Amino acid sequence: MDTIMLSQSCEPRFVDTEVIPPFDGSPEDIWVWFIVDRSDEIPGFQENCFEDSMVLLKQELRLLGFPENALETLRGNVTSREDIQNAGGRFAYFH
């Protein structure tokens, strides 16, 4: 995720991430959240950056030897620091 964050060329940029793996430890069905700064940036990221960011993430994971079948189940979404804070923090928002 750090590699993708540093190489971002679209706006708005994501400023953080949250990775939520399944409880059984398997590589399938992992959720990746791209976190932008403000909630008003979410639509712009979804429209301009999300798909490219997911493609880049999958490319990086593939290079690292991540299982191909797990890449097919990798899911993502976008939220904001603002929304996370308003929900009471990361634990409250993501769990």
PDB file of N, CA and C in Angstrom:
ATOM      1  N   MET A   1       0.827  -1.196   0.000  1.00  0.00           N
ATOM      2  CA  MET A   1       0.000   0.000   0.000  1.00  0.00           C
ATOM      3  C   MET A   1       0.868   1.256   0.000  1.00  0.00           C
ATOM      4  N   ASP A   2       2.009   1.189   0.702  1.00  0.00           N
ATOM      5  CA  ASP A   2       2.894   2.363   0.734  1.00  0.00           C
ATOM      6  C   ASP A   2       3.411   2.703  -0.658  1.00  0.00           C
ATOM      7  N   THR A   3       3.749   1.685  -1.443  1.00  0.00           N
ATOM      8  CA  THR A   3       4.233   1.911  -2.808  1.00  0.00           C
ATOM      9  C   THR A   3       3.176   2.615  -3.634  1.00  0.00           C
ATOM     10  N   ILE A   4       1.952   2.176  -3.520  1.00  0.00           N
ATOM     11  CA  ILE A   4       0.858   2.776  -4.275  1.00  0.00           C
ATOM     12  C   ILE A   4       0.604   4.200  -3.795  1.00  0.00           C
ATOM     13  N   MET A   5       0.650   4.408  -2.491  1.00  0.00           N
ATOM     14  CA  MET A   5       0.423   5.735  -1.931  1.00  0.00           C
ATOM     15  C   MET A   5       1.464   6.719  -2.466  1.00  0.00           C
ATOM     16  N   LEU A   6       2.707   6.293  -2.521  1.00  0.00           N
ATOM     17  CA  LEU A   6       3.786   7.165  -2.996  1.00  0.00           C
ATOM     18  C   LEU A   6       3.709   7.430  -4.490  1.00  0.00           C
ATOM     19  N   SER A   7       3.114   6.508  -5.244  1.00  0.00           N
ATOM     20  CA  SER A   7       3.077   6.670  -6.690  1.00  0.00           C
ATOM     21  C   SER A   7       1.758   7.251  -7.210  1.00  0.00           C
ATOM     22  N   GLN A   8       0.878   7.658  -6.326  1.00  0.00           N
ATOM     23  CA  GLN A   8      -0.414   8.194  -6.754  1.00  0.00           C
ATOM     24  C   GLN A   8      -0.237   9.397  -7.667  1.00  0.00           C
ATOM     25  N   SER A   9      -1.005   9.410  -8.731  1.00  0.00           N
ATOM     26  CA  SER A   9      -0.961  10.565  -9.612  1.00  0.00           C
ATOM     27  C   SER A   9      -2.338  11.193  -9.795  1.00  0.00           C
ATOM     28  N   CYS A  10      -3.348  10.594  -9.222  1.00  0.00           N
ATOM     29  CA  CYS A  10      -4.698  11.138  -9.372  1.00  0.00           C
ATOM     30  C   CYS A  10      -5.088  11.924  -8.126  1.00  0.00           C
ATOM     31  N   GLU A  11      -6.135  12.683  -8.243  1.00  0.00           N
ATOM     32  CA  GLU A  11      -6.657  13.482  -7.139  1.00  0.00           C
ATOM     33  C   GLU A  11      -8.121  13.138  -6.939  1.00  0.00           C
ATOM     34  N   PRO A  12      -8.571  13.087  -5.719  1.00  0.00           N
ATOM     35  CA  PRO A  12      -7.836  13.317  -4.484  1.00  0.00           C
ATOM     36  C   PRO A  12      -6.997  12.093  -4.128  1.00  0.00           C
ATOM     37  N   ARG A  13      -5.960  12.327  -3.399  1.00  0.00           N
ATOM     38  CA  ARG A  13      -5.050  11.263  -3.000  1.00  0.00           C
ATOM     39  C   ARG A  13      -5.543  10.602  -1.717  1.00  0.00           C
ATOM     40  N   PHE A  14      -5.279   9.307  -1.602  1.00  0.00           N
ATOM     41  CA  PHE A  14      -5.594   8.669  -0.327  1.00  0.00           C
ATOM     42  C   PHE A  14      -4.418   8.886   0.621  1.00  0.00           C
ATOM     43  N   VAL A  15      -4.728   9.004   1.903  1.00  0.00           N
ATOM     44  CA  VAL A  15      -3.719   9.368   2.900  1.00  0.00           C
ATOM     45  C   VAL A  15      -3.448   8.248   3.903  1.00  0.00           C
ATOM     46  N   ASP A  16      -4.260   7.195   3.839  1.00  0.00           N
ATOM     47  CA  ASP A  16      -4.100   6.085   4.768  1.00  0.00           C
ATOM     48  C   ASP A  16      -4.852   4.891   4.196  1.00  0.00           C
ATOM     49  N   THR A  17      -4.668   3.743   4.824  1.00  0.00           N
ATOM     50  CA  THR A  17      -5.369   2.534   4.399  1.00  0.00           C
ATOM     51  C   THR A  17      -5.744   1.701   5.617  1.00  0.00           C
ATOM     52  N   GLU A  18      -6.655   0.815   5.398  1.00  0.00           N
ATOM     53  CA  GLU A  18      -7.024  -0.187   6.404  1.00  0.00           C
ATOM     54  C   GLU A  18      -7.204  -1.499   5.651  1.00  0.00           C
ATOM     55  N   VAL A  19      -6.540  -2.537   6.109  1.00  0.00           N
ATOM     56  CA  VAL A  19      -6.657  -3.853   5.502  1.00  0.00           C
ATOM     57  C   VAL A  19      -7.362  -4.756   6.505  1.00  0.00           C
ATOM     58  N   ILE A  20      -8.422  -5.404   6.045  1.00  0.00           N
ATOM     59  CA  ILE A  20      -9.201  -6.263   6.926  1.00  0.00           C
ATOM     60  C   ILE A  20      -9.204  -7.676   6.346  1.00  0.00           C
ATOM     61  N   PRO A  21      -8.361  -8.542   6.914  1.00  0.00           N
ATOM     62  CA  PRO A  21      -8.319  -9.931   6.450  1.00  0.00           C
ATOM     63  C   PRO A  21      -9.424 -10.750   7.119  1.00  0.00           C
ATOM     64  N   PRO A  22      -9.736 -11.903   6.550  1.00  0.00           N
ATOM     65  CA  PRO A  22     -10.716 -12.772   7.201  1.00  0.00           C
ATOM     66  C   PRO A  22     -10.145 -13.347   8.500  1.00  0.00           C
ATOM     67  N   PHE A  23     -11.000 -13.696   9.401  1.00  0.00           N
ATOM     68  CA  PHE A  23     -10.584 -14.206  10.710  1.00  0.00           C
ATOM     69  C   PHE A  23      -9.835 -15.536  10.637  1.00  0.00           C
ATOM     70  N   ASP A  24     -10.062 -16.297   9.582  1.00  0.00           N
ATOM     71  CA  ASP A  24      -9.406 -17.607   9.497  1.00  0.00           C
ATOM     72  C   ASP A  24      -7.978 -17.524   8.967  1.00  0.00           C
ATOM     73  N   GLY A  25      -7.508 -16.324   8.620  1.00  0.00           N
ATOM     74  CA  GLY A  25      -6.136 -16.149   8.176  1.00  0.00           C
ATOM     75  C   GLY A  25      -5.896 -16.471   6.718  1.00  0.00           C
ATOM     76  N   SER A  26      -6.926 -16.844   6.001  1.00  0.00           N
ATOM     77  CA  SER A  26      -6.758 -17.169   4.585  1.00  0.00           C
ATOM     78  C   SER A  26      -6.542 -15.884   3.772  1.00  0.00           C
ATOM     79  N   PRO A  27      -5.919 -16.010   2.607  1.00  0.00           N
ATOM     80  CA  PRO A  27      -5.686 -14.828   1.780  1.00  0.00           C
ATOM     81  C   PRO A  27      -6.907 -14.421   0.953  1.00  0.00           C
ATOM     82  N   GLU A  28      -7.955 -15.220   0.963  1.00  0.00           N
ATOM     83  CA  GLU A  28      -9.150 -14.898   0.199  1.00  0.00           C
ATOM     84  C   GLU A  28     -10.041 -13.919   0.968  1.00  0.00           C
ATOM     85  N   ASP A  29     -10.767 -13.135   0.219  1.00  0.00           N
ATOM     86  CA  ASP A  29     -11.788 -12.225   0.761  1.00  0.00           C
ATOM     87  C   ASP A  29     -11.224 -11.146   1.677  1.00  0.00           C
ATOM     88  N   ILE A  30     -10.051 -10.639   1.349  1.00  0.00           N
ATOM     89  CA  ILE A  30      -9.477  -9.509   2.084  1.00  0.00           C
ATOM     90  C   ILE A  30     -10.123  -8.223   1.590  1.00  0.00           C
ATOM     91  N   TRP A  31     -10.417  -7.341   2.532  1.00  0.00           N
ATOM     92  CA  TRP A  31     -10.943  -6.014   2.212  1.00  0.00           C
ATOM     93  C   TRP A  31      -9.844  -4.975   2.415  1.00  0.00           C
ATOM     94  N   VAL A  32      -9.705  -4.090   1.455  1.00  0.00           N
ATOM     95  CA  VAL A  32      -8.747  -2.994   1.536  1.00  0.00           C
ATOM     96  C   VAL A  32      -9.535  -1.689   1.452  1.00  0.00           C
ATOM     97  N   TRP A  33      -9.336  -0.841   2.427  1.00  0.00           N
ATOM     98  CA  TRP A  33      -9.988   0.467   2.439  1.00  0.00           C
ATOM     99  C   TRP A  33      -8.959   1.544   2.125  1.00  0.00           C
ATOM    100  N   PHE A  34      -9.266   2.356   1.142  1.00  0.00           N
ATOM    101  CA  PHE A  34      -8.470   3.540   0.841  1.00  0.00           C
ATOM    102  C   PHE A  34      -9.094   4.680   1.632  1.00  0.00           C
ATOM    103  N   ILE A  35      -8.291   5.403   2.367  1.00  0.00           N
ATOM    104  CA  ILE A  35      -8.808   6.453   3.240  1.00  0.00           C
ATOM    105  C   ILE A  35      -8.326   7.809   2.746  1.00  0.00           C
ATOM    106  N   VAL A  36      -9.290   8.649   2.362  1.00  0.00           N
ATOM    107  CA  VAL A  36      -8.992  10.026   1.985  1.00  0.00           C
ATOM    108  C   VAL A  36      -9.165  10.896   3.223  1.00  0.00           C
ATOM    109  N   ASP A  37      -8.795  12.149   3.121  1.00  0.00           N
ATOM    110  CA  ASP A  37      -8.835  13.017   4.295  1.00  0.00           C
ATOM    111  C   ASP A  37     -10.252  13.399   4.701  1.00  0.00           C
ATOM    112  N   ARG A  38     -11.035  13.903   3.756  1.00  0.00           N
ATOM    113  CA  ARG A  38     -12.368  14.433   4.065  1.00  0.00           C
ATOM    114  C   ARG A  38     -13.462  13.657   3.328  1.00  0.00           C
ATOM    115  N   SER A  39     -14.638  13.632   3.909  1.00  0.00           N
ATOM    116  CA  SER A  39     -15.744  12.886   3.301  1.00  0.00           C
ATOM    117  C   SER A  39     -16.143  13.439   1.939  1.00  0.00           C
ATOM    118  N   ASP A  40     -15.956  14.739   1.715  1.00  0.00           N
ATOM    119  CA  ASP A  40     -16.311  15.290   0.404  1.00  0.00           C
ATOM    120  C   ASP A  40     -15.340  14.863  -0.697  1.00  0.00           C
ATOM    121  N   GLU A  41     -14.230  14.200  -0.331  1.00  0.00           N
ATOM    122  CA  GLU A  41     -13.272  13.688  -1.319  1.00  0.00           C
ATOM    123  C   GLU A  41     -13.598  12.265  -1.782  1.00  0.00           C
ATOM    124  N   ILE A  42     -14.490  11.591  -1.087  1.00  0.00           N
ATOM    125  CA  ILE A  42     -14.818  10.199  -1.415  1.00  0.00           C
ATOM    126  C   ILE A  42     -15.327  10.055  -2.849  1.00  0.00           C
ATOM    127  N   PRO A  43     -16.329  10.832  -3.277  1.00  0.00           N
ATOM    128  CA  PRO A  43     -16.814  10.648  -4.653  1.00  0.00           C
ATOM    129  C   PRO A  43     -15.721  10.872  -5.705  1.00  0.00           C
ATOM    130  N   GLY A  44     -14.869  11.843  -5.502  1.00  0.00           N
ATOM    131  CA  GLY A  44     -13.791  12.098  -6.453  1.00  0.00           C
ATOM    132  C   GLY A  44     -12.808  10.951  -6.517  1.00  0.00           C
ATOM    133  N   PHE A  45     -12.481  10.375  -5.359  1.00  0.00           N
ATOM    134  CA  PHE A  45     -11.574   9.229  -5.351  1.00  0.00           C
ATOM    135  C   PHE A  45     -12.227   8.035  -6.031  1.00  0.00           C
ATOM    136  N   GLN A  46     -13.492   7.793  -5.715  1.00  0.00           N
ATOM    137  CA  GLN A  46     -14.202   6.664  -6.326  1.00  0.00           C
ATOM    138  C   GLN A  46     -14.233   6.806  -7.847  1.00  0.00           C
ATOM    139  N   GLU A  47     -14.468   8.007  -8.317  1.00  0.00           N
ATOM    140  CA  GLU A  47     -14.595   8.238  -9.760  1.00  0.00           C
ATOM    141  C   GLU A  47     -13.240   8.269 -10.465  1.00  0.00           C
ATOM    142  N   ASN A  48     -12.248   8.902  -9.859  1.00  0.00           N
ATOM    143  CA  ASN A  48     -10.989   9.166 -10.547  1.00  0.00           C
ATOM    144  C   ASN A  48      -9.851   8.210 -10.208  1.00  0.00           C
ATOM    145  N   CYS A  49      -9.888   7.577  -9.040  1.00  0.00           N
ATOM    146  CA  CYS A  49      -8.694   6.885  -8.549  1.00  0.00           C
ATOM    147  C   CYS A  49      -8.896   5.449  -8.117  1.00  0.00           C
ATOM    148  N   PHE A  50     -10.094   5.085  -7.721  1.00  0.00           N
ATOM    149  CA  PHE A  50     -10.304   3.787  -7.088  1.00  0.00           C
ATOM    150  C   PHE A  50      -9.891   2.614  -7.973  1.00  0.00           C
ATOM    151  N   GLU A  51     -10.420   2.557  -9.178  1.00  0.00           N
ATOM    152  CA  GLU A  51     -10.130   1.415 -10.056  1.00  0.00           C
ATOM    153  C   GLU A  51      -8.642   1.295 -10.341  1.00  0.00           C
ATOM    154  N   ASP A  52      -7.987   2.405 -10.664  1.00  0.00           N
ATOM    155  CA  ASP A  52      -6.546   2.373 -10.926  1.00  0.00           C
ATOM    156  C   ASP A  52      -5.766   1.949  -9.688  1.00  0.00           C
ATOM    157  N   SER A  53      -6.193   2.395  -8.519  1.00  0.00           N
ATOM    158  CA  SER A  53      -5.515   2.020  -7.279  1.00  0.00           C
ATOM    159  C   SER A  53      -5.655   0.524  -7.018  1.00  0.00           C
ATOM    160  N   MET A  54      -6.816  -0.034  -7.285  1.00  0.00           N
ATOM    161  CA  MET A  54      -7.019  -1.474  -7.112  1.00  0.00           C
ATOM    162  C   MET A  54      -6.156  -2.261  -8.097  1.00  0.00           C
ATOM    163  N   VAL A  55      -6.074  -1.801  -9.335  1.00  0.00           N
ATOM    164  CA  VAL A  55      -5.240  -2.469 -10.336  1.00  0.00           C
ATOM    165  C   VAL A  55      -3.775  -2.444  -9.897  1.00  0.00           C
ATOM    166  N   LEU A  56      -3.302  -1.284  -9.452  1.00  0.00           N
ATOM    167  CA  LEU A  56      -1.921  -1.174  -8.984  1.00  0.00           C
ATOM    168  C   LEU A  56      -1.670  -2.073  -7.780  1.00  0.00           C
ATOM    169  N   LEU A  57      -2.614  -2.112  -6.852  1.00  0.00           N
ATOM    170  CA  LEU A  57      -2.474  -2.964  -5.677  1.00  0.00           C
ATOM    171  C   LEU A  57      -2.351  -4.428  -6.083  1.00  0.00           C
ATOM    172  N   LYS A  58      -3.203  -4.871  -6.974  1.00  0.00           N
ATOM    173  CA  LYS A  58      -3.153  -6.261  -7.417  1.00  0.00           C
ATOM    174  C   LYS A  58      -1.848  -6.562  -8.146  1.00  0.00           C
ATOM    175  N   GLN A  59      -1.350  -5.617  -8.937  1.00  0.00           N
ATOM    176  CA  GLN A  59      -0.068  -5.807  -9.613  1.00  0.00           C
ATOM    177  C   GLN A  59       1.067  -5.958  -8.604  1.00  0.00           C
ATOM    178  N   GLU A  60       1.079  -5.105  -7.593  1.00  0.00           N
ATOM    179  CA  GLU A  60       2.118  -5.171  -6.566  1.00  0.00           C
ATOM    180  C   GLU A  60       2.042  -6.486  -5.796  1.00  0.00           C
ATOM    181  N   LEU A  61       0.835  -6.889  -5.431  1.00  0.00           N
ATOM    182  CA  LEU A  61       0.667  -8.135  -4.696  1.00  0.00           C
ATOM    183  C   LEU A  61       1.090  -9.336  -5.546  1.00  0.00           C
ATOM    184  N   ARG A  62       0.769  -9.288  -6.827  1.00  0.00           N
ATOM    185  CA  ARG A  62       1.165 -10.362  -7.739  1.00  0.00           C
ATOM    186  C   ARG A  62       2.686 -10.476  -7.787  1.00  0.00           C
ATOM    187  N   LEU A  63       3.379  -9.342  -7.858  1.00  0.00           N
ATOM    188  CA  LEU A  63       4.841  -9.340  -7.879  1.00  0.00           C
ATOM    189  C   LEU A  63       5.435  -9.921  -6.594  1.00  0.00           C
ATOM    190  N   LEU A  64       4.714  -9.762  -5.498  1.00  0.00           N
ATOM    191  CA  LEU A  64       5.164 -10.285  -4.211  1.00  0.00           C
ATOM    192  C   LEU A  64       4.792 -11.753  -3.996  1.00  0.00           C
ATOM    193  N   GLY A  65       4.135 -12.344  -5.004  1.00  0.00           N
ATOM    194  CA  GLY A  65       3.789 -13.757  -4.914  1.00  0.00           C
ATOM    195  C   GLY A  65       2.464 -14.054  -4.248  1.00  0.00           C
ATOM    196  N   PHE A  66       1.607 -13.056  -4.135  1.00  0.00           N
ATOM    197  CA  PHE A  66       0.291 -13.270  -3.536  1.00  0.00           C
ATOM    198  C   PHE A  66      -0.487 -14.251  -4.415  1.00  0.00           C
ATOM    199  N   PRO A  67      -1.209 -15.194  -3.836  1.00  0.00           N
ATOM    200  CA  PRO A  67      -1.925 -16.200  -4.636  1.00  0.00           C
ATOM    201  C   PRO A  67      -2.941 -15.575  -5.597  1.00  0.00           C
ATOM    202  N   GLU A  68      -2.916 -16.037  -6.823  1.00  0.00           N
ATOM    203  CA  GLU A  68      -3.808 -15.493  -7.857  1.00  0.00           C
ATOM    204  C   GLU A  68      -5.277 -15.658  -7.484  1.00  0.00           C
ATOM    205  N   ASN A  69      -5.639 -16.813  -6.918  1.00  0.00           N
ATOM    206  CA  ASN A  69      -7.042 -17.018  -6.537  1.00  0.00           C
ATOM    207  C   ASN A  69      -7.468 -16.023  -5.453  1.00  0.00           C
ATOM    208  N   ALA A  70      -6.543 -15.605  -4.604  1.00  0.00           N
ATOM    209  CA  ALA A  70      -6.875 -14.617  -3.576  1.00  0.00           C
ATOM    210  C   ALA A  70      -7.020 -13.224  -4.188  1.00  0.00           C
ATOM    211  N   LEU A  71      -6.232 -12.931  -5.224  1.00  0.00           N
ATOM    212  CA  LEU A  71      -6.360 -11.634  -5.894  1.00  0.00           C
ATOM    213  C   LEU A  71      -7.744 -11.471  -6.508  1.00  0.00           C
ATOM    214  N   GLU A  72      -8.311 -12.572  -6.960  1.00  0.00           N
ATOM    215  CA  GLU A  72      -9.652 -12.523  -7.553  1.00  0.00           C
ATOM    216  C   GLU A  72     -10.724 -12.166  -6.525  1.00  0.00           C
ATOM    217  N   THR A  73     -10.460 -12.422  -5.252  1.00  0.00           N
ATOM    218  CA  THR A  73     -11.454 -12.144  -4.206  1.00  0.00           C
ATOM    219  C   THR A  73     -11.131 -10.869  -3.417  1.00  0.00           C
ATOM    220  N   LEU A  74     -10.045 -10.212  -3.762  1.00  0.00           N
ATOM    221  CA  LEU A  74      -9.667  -8.969  -3.079  1.00  0.00           C
ATOM    222  C   LEU A  74     -10.710  -7.895  -3.354  1.00  0.00           C
ATOM    223  N   ARG A  75     -11.194  -7.277  -2.317  1.00  0.00           N
ATOM    224  CA  ARG A  75     -12.220  -6.241  -2.445  1.00  0.00           C
ATOM    225  C   ARG A  75     -11.717  -4.955  -1.829  1.00  0.00           C
ATOM    226  N   GLY A  76     -12.293  -3.856  -2.271  1.00  0.00           N
ATOM    227  CA  GLY A  76     -11.886  -2.574  -1.731  1.00  0.00           C
ATOM    228  C   GLY A  76     -13.030  -1.592  -1.670  1.00  0.00           C
ATOM    229  N   ASN A  77     -12.769  -0.527  -0.938  1.00  0.00           N
ATOM    230  CA  ASN A  77     -13.736   0.553  -0.817  1.00  0.00           C
ATOM    231  C   ASN A  77     -12.971   1.794  -0.391  1.00  0.00           C
ATOM    232  N   VAL A  78     -13.686   2.889  -0.260  1.00  0.00           N
ATOM    233  CA  VAL A  78     -13.048   4.138   0.136  1.00  0.00           C
ATOM    234  C   VAL A  78     -13.869   4.794   1.236  1.00  0.00           C
ATOM    235  N   THR A  79     -13.177   5.390   2.174  1.00  0.00           N
ATOM    236  CA  THR A  79     -13.805   6.157   3.238  1.00  0.00           C
ATOM    237  C   THR A  79     -12.888   7.337   3.553  1.00  0.00           C
ATOM    238  N   SER A  80     -13.217   8.059   4.588  1.00  0.00           N
ATOM    239  CA  SER A  80     -12.416   9.235   4.927  1.00  0.00           C
ATOM    240  C   SER A  80     -12.043   9.231   6.405  1.00  0.00           C
ATOM    241  N   ARG A  81     -10.966   9.924   6.703  1.00  0.00           N
ATOM    242  CA  ARG A  81     -10.585  10.116   8.110  1.00  0.00           C
ATOM    243  C   ARG A  81     -11.728  10.773   8.866  1.00  0.00           C
ATOM    244  N   GLU A  82     -12.367  11.722   8.209  1.00  0.00           N
ATOM    245  CA  GLU A  82     -13.480  12.448   8.820  1.00  0.00           C
ATOM    246  C   GLU A  82     -14.604  11.488   9.221  1.00  0.00           C
ATOM    247  N   ASP A  83     -14.987  10.592   8.320  1.00  0.00           N
ATOM    248  CA  ASP A  83     -16.053   9.637   8.624  1.00  0.00           C
ATOM    249  C   ASP A  83     -15.640   8.666   9.728  1.00  0.00           C
ATOM    250  N   ILE A  84     -14.388   8.249   9.717  1.00  0.00           N
ATOM    251  CA  ILE A  84     -13.879   7.342  10.746  1.00  0.00           C
ATOM    252  C   ILE A  84     -13.938   8.016  12.114  1.00  0.00           C
ATOM    253  N   GLN A  85     -13.498   9.263  12.170  1.00  0.00           N
ATOM    254  CA  GLN A  85     -13.540  10.002  13.438  1.00  0.00           C
ATOM    255  C   GLN A  85     -14.967  10.201  13.913  1.00  0.00           C
ATOM    256  N   ASN A  86     -15.865  10.528  12.987  1.00  0.00           N
ATOM    257  CA  ASN A  86     -17.269  10.749  13.353  1.00  0.00           C
ATOM    258  C   ASN A  86     -17.947   9.479  13.856  1.00  0.00           C
ATOM    259  N   ALA A  87     -17.446   8.329  13.415  1.00  0.00           N
ATOM    260  CA  ALA A  87     -18.009   7.047  13.870  1.00  0.00           C
ATOM    261  C   ALA A  87     -17.449   6.608  15.214  1.00  0.00           C
ATOM    262  N   GLY A  88     -16.441   7.318  15.713  1.00  0.00           N
ATOM    263  CA  GLY A  88     -15.852   6.959  17.000  1.00  0.00           C
ATOM    264  C   GLY A  88     -14.490   6.299  16.903  1.00  0.00           C
ATOM    265  N   GLY A  89     -13.873   6.371  15.738  1.00  0.00           N
ATOM    266  CA  GLY A  89     -12.540   5.793  15.558  1.00  0.00           C
ATOM    267  C   GLY A  89     -12.542   4.555  14.679  1.00  0.00           C
ATOM    268  N   ARG A  90     -11.352   4.039  14.437  1.00  0.00           N
ATOM    269  CA  ARG A  90     -11.182   2.910  13.531  1.00  0.00           C
ATOM    270  C   ARG A  90     -11.953   1.662  13.976  1.00  0.00           C
ATOM    271  N   PHE A  91     -11.842   1.347  15.254  1.00  0.00           N
ATOM    272  CA  PHE A  91     -12.516   0.127  15.723  1.00  0.00           C
ATOM    273  C   PHE A  91     -14.024   0.220  15.506  1.00  0.00           C
ATOM    274  N   ALA A  92     -14.604   1.337  15.864  1.00  0.00           N
ATOM    275  CA  ALA A  92     -16.057   1.506  15.696  1.00  0.00           C
ATOM    276  C   ALA A  92     -16.441   1.511  14.223  1.00  0.00           C
ATOM    277  N   TYR A  93     -15.646   2.118  13.397  1.00  0.00           N
ATOM    278  CA  TYR A  93     -15.995   2.237  11.979  1.00  0.00           C
ATOM    279  C   TYR A  93     -15.862   0.901  11.244  1.00  0.00           C
ATOM    280  N   PHE A  94     -14.763   0.209  11.436  1.00  0.00           N
ATOM    281  CA  PHE A  94     -14.479  -0.981  10.642  1.00  0.00           C
ATOM    282  C   PHE A  94     -14.994  -2.281  11.255  1.00  0.00           C
ATOM    283  N   HIS A  95     -15.472  -2.248  12.496  1.00  0.00           N
ATOM    284  CA  HIS A  95     -15.906  -3.497  13.120  1.00  0.00           C
ATOM    285  C   HIS A  95     -17.307  -3.443  13.582  1.00  0.00           C
TER     286      HIS A  95
END
